[in-house]
Amino acid sequence: MISERDFAQIVGKTKSIVLSAVAKNLPERFHYLIDDAVQETYLRAYRALVKDKFKGESELSTWLYAIARNEALRITKKSLREEQKQKEFSKKSMERIENKDVKESDDVFAQKEAYQNYLIRLPRIQKEVVDLYLRGFTEKEIAAFLSIAGGTVKSRLSRARELISRMRNSEEK
């Protein structure tokens, strides 16, 4: 089994090689993800070393370069999928806004003027969910766009309703 100290030495010796592999294989527009790719590379390498999966058939640096390259390619593929999802979502969103296909409900979000006043005071994570909900997106669509669970969407909407109700009650007093 590899010690933390030994692994720290490996990282120190191979950092430039791993960074180079990631930078070469990650498109420039995704360079903000370099740190994530490097971190994931070393995490995968550490797990493999702990399980004694590195057989020594190549240099350690060559093995890490391959892991880094593969990680950069994986992140690129994932980021491209997310970009496409967001483009489709934005297109759908614009179509709904243009068609004024916005849900009207009896709940606390229904009054748009009040909603605007309260929305700016909500925490960001709740604000984005409420905003999408008011634009007419389903909980499932919101979950997919924000890459969160459906239950998380429901709880954020519920918490936002509670906060808005408290805001209203405090103003009425």
Protein backbone atom coordinates (compact mmCIF):
# COMPACT_ATOMS: atom_id res chain seq x y z
CA MET A 1 0.00 0.00 0.00
CA ILE A 2 1.18 3.50 -0.82
CA SER A 3 1.63 6.08 1.92
CA GLU A 4 0.38 9.65 1.69
CA ARG A 5 3.97 10.86 1.79
CA ASP A 6 4.96 8.64 -1.14
CA PHE A 7 1.96 9.79 -3.11
CA ALA A 8 2.76 13.44 -2.37
CA GLN A 9 6.23 12.85 -3.83
CA ILE A 10 4.70 11.28 -6.94
CA VAL A 11 2.44 14.32 -7.36
CA GLY A 12 5.41 16.64 -6.95
CA LYS A 13 7.44 14.82 -9.58
CA THR A 14 4.64 14.39 -12.13
CA LYS A 15 2.63 17.59 -11.75
CA SER A 16 3.98 19.20 -14.93
CA ILE A 17 3.38 16.05 -17.00
CA VAL A 18 -0.22 15.71 -15.79
CA LEU A 19 -0.92 19.43 -16.34
CA SER A 20 0.53 19.19 -19.84
CA ALA A 21 -1.61 16.17 -20.72
CA VAL A 22 -4.76 17.84 -19.47
CA ALA A 23 -4.04 21.17 -21.18
CA LYS A 24 -3.29 19.47 -24.52
CA ASN A 25 -6.46 17.36 -24.47
CA LEU A 26 -8.94 19.84 -23.03
CA PRO A 27 -10.35 22.38 -25.50
CA GLU A 28 -9.44 25.96 -24.66
CA ARG A 29 -13.01 26.94 -23.81
CA PHE A 30 -12.97 24.30 -21.07
CA HIS A 31 -9.61 25.32 -19.58
CA TYR A 32 -11.42 26.53 -16.47
CA LEU A 33 -11.81 22.79 -15.73
CA ILE A 34 -8.07 22.03 -15.74
CA ASP A 35 -7.88 21.89 -11.94
CA ASP A 36 -10.83 19.50 -11.80
CA ALA A 37 -9.24 17.21 -14.40
CA VAL A 38 -5.87 17.20 -12.60
CA GLN A 39 -7.51 16.50 -9.26
CA GLU A 40 -9.58 13.67 -10.71
CA THR A 41 -6.46 12.26 -12.41
CA TYR A 42 -4.59 12.02 -9.13
CA LEU A 43 -7.64 10.68 -7.32
CA ARG A 44 -8.00 7.89 -9.89
CA ALA A 45 -4.28 7.19 -9.75
CA TYR A 46 -4.26 7.06 -5.95
CA ARG A 47 -7.19 4.63 -5.89
CA ALA A 48 -5.43 2.41 -8.45
CA LEU A 49 -2.15 2.51 -6.52
CA VAL A 50 -3.88 1.63 -3.26
CA LYS A 51 -5.45 -1.38 -4.99
CA ASP A 52 -2.04 -2.22 -6.45
CA LYS A 53 -3.32 -1.92 -10.04
CA PHE A 54 -0.21 -0.20 -11.40
CA LYS A 55 1.85 -3.10 -12.71
CA GLY A 56 4.97 -1.14 -13.59
CA GLU A 57 4.83 -2.15 -17.26
CA SER A 58 5.45 1.49 -18.14
CA GLU A 59 6.91 4.49 -16.38
CA LEU A 60 4.68 5.96 -13.68
CA SER A 61 4.73 9.28 -15.52
CA THR A 62 3.52 7.60 -18.75
CA TRP A 63 0.71 5.89 -16.86
CA LEU A 64 -0.32 9.19 -15.24
CA TYR A 65 -0.17 10.95 -18.62
CA ALA A 66 -2.63 8.39 -20.01
CA ILE A 67 -4.97 8.82 -17.05
CA ALA A 68 -4.80 12.62 -17.40
CA ARG A 69 -5.48 12.46 -21.14
CA ASN A 70 -8.46 10.18 -20.62
CA GLU A 71 -9.78 12.38 -17.84
CA ALA A 72 -9.51 15.49 -20.05
CA LEU A 73 -11.39 13.67 -22.82
CA ARG A 74 -14.07 12.51 -20.37
CA ILE A 75 -14.55 16.04 -19.01
CA THR A 76 -14.70 17.44 -22.55
CA LYS A 77 -17.39 14.95 -23.54
CA LYS A 78 -19.40 15.70 -20.39
CA SER A 79 -19.06 19.47 -20.87
CA LEU A 80 -20.18 19.24 -24.49
CA ARG A 81 -23.28 17.30 -23.40
CA GLU A 82 -24.03 19.94 -20.75
CA GLU A 83 -23.58 22.74 -23.30
CA GLN A 84 -26.02 21.04 -25.65
CA LYS A 85 -28.53 20.56 -22.84
CA GLN A 86 -28.30 24.23 -21.92
CA LYS A 87 -28.72 25.33 -25.55
CA GLU A 88 -31.85 23.20 -25.89
CA PHE A 89 -33.15 24.45 -22.56
CA SER A 90 -32.51 28.09 -23.49
CA LYS A 91 -34.26 27.61 -26.80
CA LYS A 92 -37.25 26.04 -25.04
CA SER A 93 -37.21 28.81 -22.47
CA MET A 94 -37.25 31.55 -25.10
CA GLU A 95 -40.10 29.84 -26.95
CA ARG A 96 -42.14 29.65 -23.75
CA ILE A 97 -41.43 33.26 -22.83
CA GLU A 98 -42.31 34.45 -26.34
CA ASN A 99 -45.53 32.43 -26.25
CA LYS A 100 -46.22 33.60 -22.69
CA ASP A 101 -46.69 29.96 -21.75
CA VAL A 102 -46.17 30.68 -18.04
CA LYS A 103 -47.94 28.68 -15.35
CA GLU A 104 -50.49 30.51 -13.29
CA SER A 105 -51.23 28.82 -10.00
CA ASP A 106 -52.99 29.60 -6.77
CA ASP A 107 -49.83 29.38 -4.72
CA VAL A 108 -47.70 32.17 -3.34
CA PHE A 109 -45.79 32.54 -6.65
CA ALA A 110 -48.87 33.50 -8.65
CA GLN A 111 -48.80 37.23 -7.99
CA LYS A 112 -46.08 38.43 -10.30
CA GLU A 113 -45.50 41.91 -8.85
CA ALA A 114 -45.10 40.52 -5.36
CA TYR A 115 -43.00 37.68 -6.75
CA GLN A 116 -40.49 40.13 -8.24
CA ASN A 117 -40.20 41.94 -4.94
CA TYR A 118 -39.64 38.74 -2.97
CA LEU A 119 -37.57 36.91 -5.55
CA ILE A 120 -34.67 39.34 -5.27
CA ARG A 121 -34.50 38.58 -1.55
CA LEU A 122 -34.42 34.78 -1.91
CA PRO A 123 -31.13 32.84 -1.73
CA ARG A 124 -29.67 32.22 -5.19
CA ILE A 125 -30.34 28.46 -5.28
CA GLN A 126 -34.02 28.99 -4.50
CA LYS A 127 -34.29 32.03 -6.76
CA GLU A 128 -33.16 30.13 -9.86
CA VAL A 129 -35.61 27.28 -9.21
CA VAL A 130 -38.53 29.68 -8.62
CA ASP A 131 -37.64 31.71 -11.69
CA LEU A 132 -37.66 28.61 -13.91
CA TYR A 133 -40.87 27.39 -12.31
CA LEU A 134 -42.56 30.71 -13.04
CA ARG A 135 -41.43 30.48 -16.64
CA GLY A 136 -43.48 27.33 -16.91
CA PHE A 137 -40.89 24.60 -16.64
CA THR A 138 -41.80 21.37 -14.92
CA GLU A 139 -39.93 20.17 -11.86
CA LYS A 140 -38.39 17.44 -14.01
CA GLU A 141 -37.15 19.97 -16.60
CA ILE A 142 -35.74 22.22 -13.86
CA ALA A 143 -33.95 19.26 -12.29
CA ALA A 144 -32.40 18.29 -15.63
CA PHE A 145 -31.28 21.83 -16.44
CA LEU A 146 -29.74 22.48 -13.03
CA SER A 147 -28.35 18.93 -12.76
CA ILE A 148 -30.05 18.34 -9.42
CA ALA A 149 -32.50 15.72 -8.16
CA GLY A 150 -36.23 16.20 -8.59
CA GLY A 151 -36.67 16.10 -4.84
CA THR A 152 -34.19 18.95 -4.50
CA VAL A 153 -36.30 21.07 -6.86
CA LYS A 154 -39.40 20.32 -4.76
CA SER A 155 -37.66 21.18 -1.49
CA ARG A 156 -36.22 24.43 -2.89
CA LEU A 157 -39.67 25.46 -4.16
CA SER A 158 -41.16 24.58 -0.79
CA ARG A 159 -38.52 26.54 1.13
CA ALA A 160 -38.98 29.49 -1.21
CA ARG A 161 -42.74 29.41 -0.57
CA GLU A 162 -42.08 29.39 3.18
CA LEU A 163 -39.66 32.30 2.95
CA ILE A 164 -42.01 34.34 0.78
CA SER A 165 -44.87 33.64 3.17
CA ARG A 166 -42.72 34.79 6.10
CA MET A 167 -41.72 37.92 4.17
CA ARG A 168 -45.38 38.68 3.44
CA ASN A 169 -46.42 38.07 7.05
CA SER A 170 -43.67 40.30 8.40
CA GLU A 171 -44.72 43.10 6.03
CA GLU A 172 -48.38 42.79 7.07
CA LYS A 173 -47.55 43.29 10.76
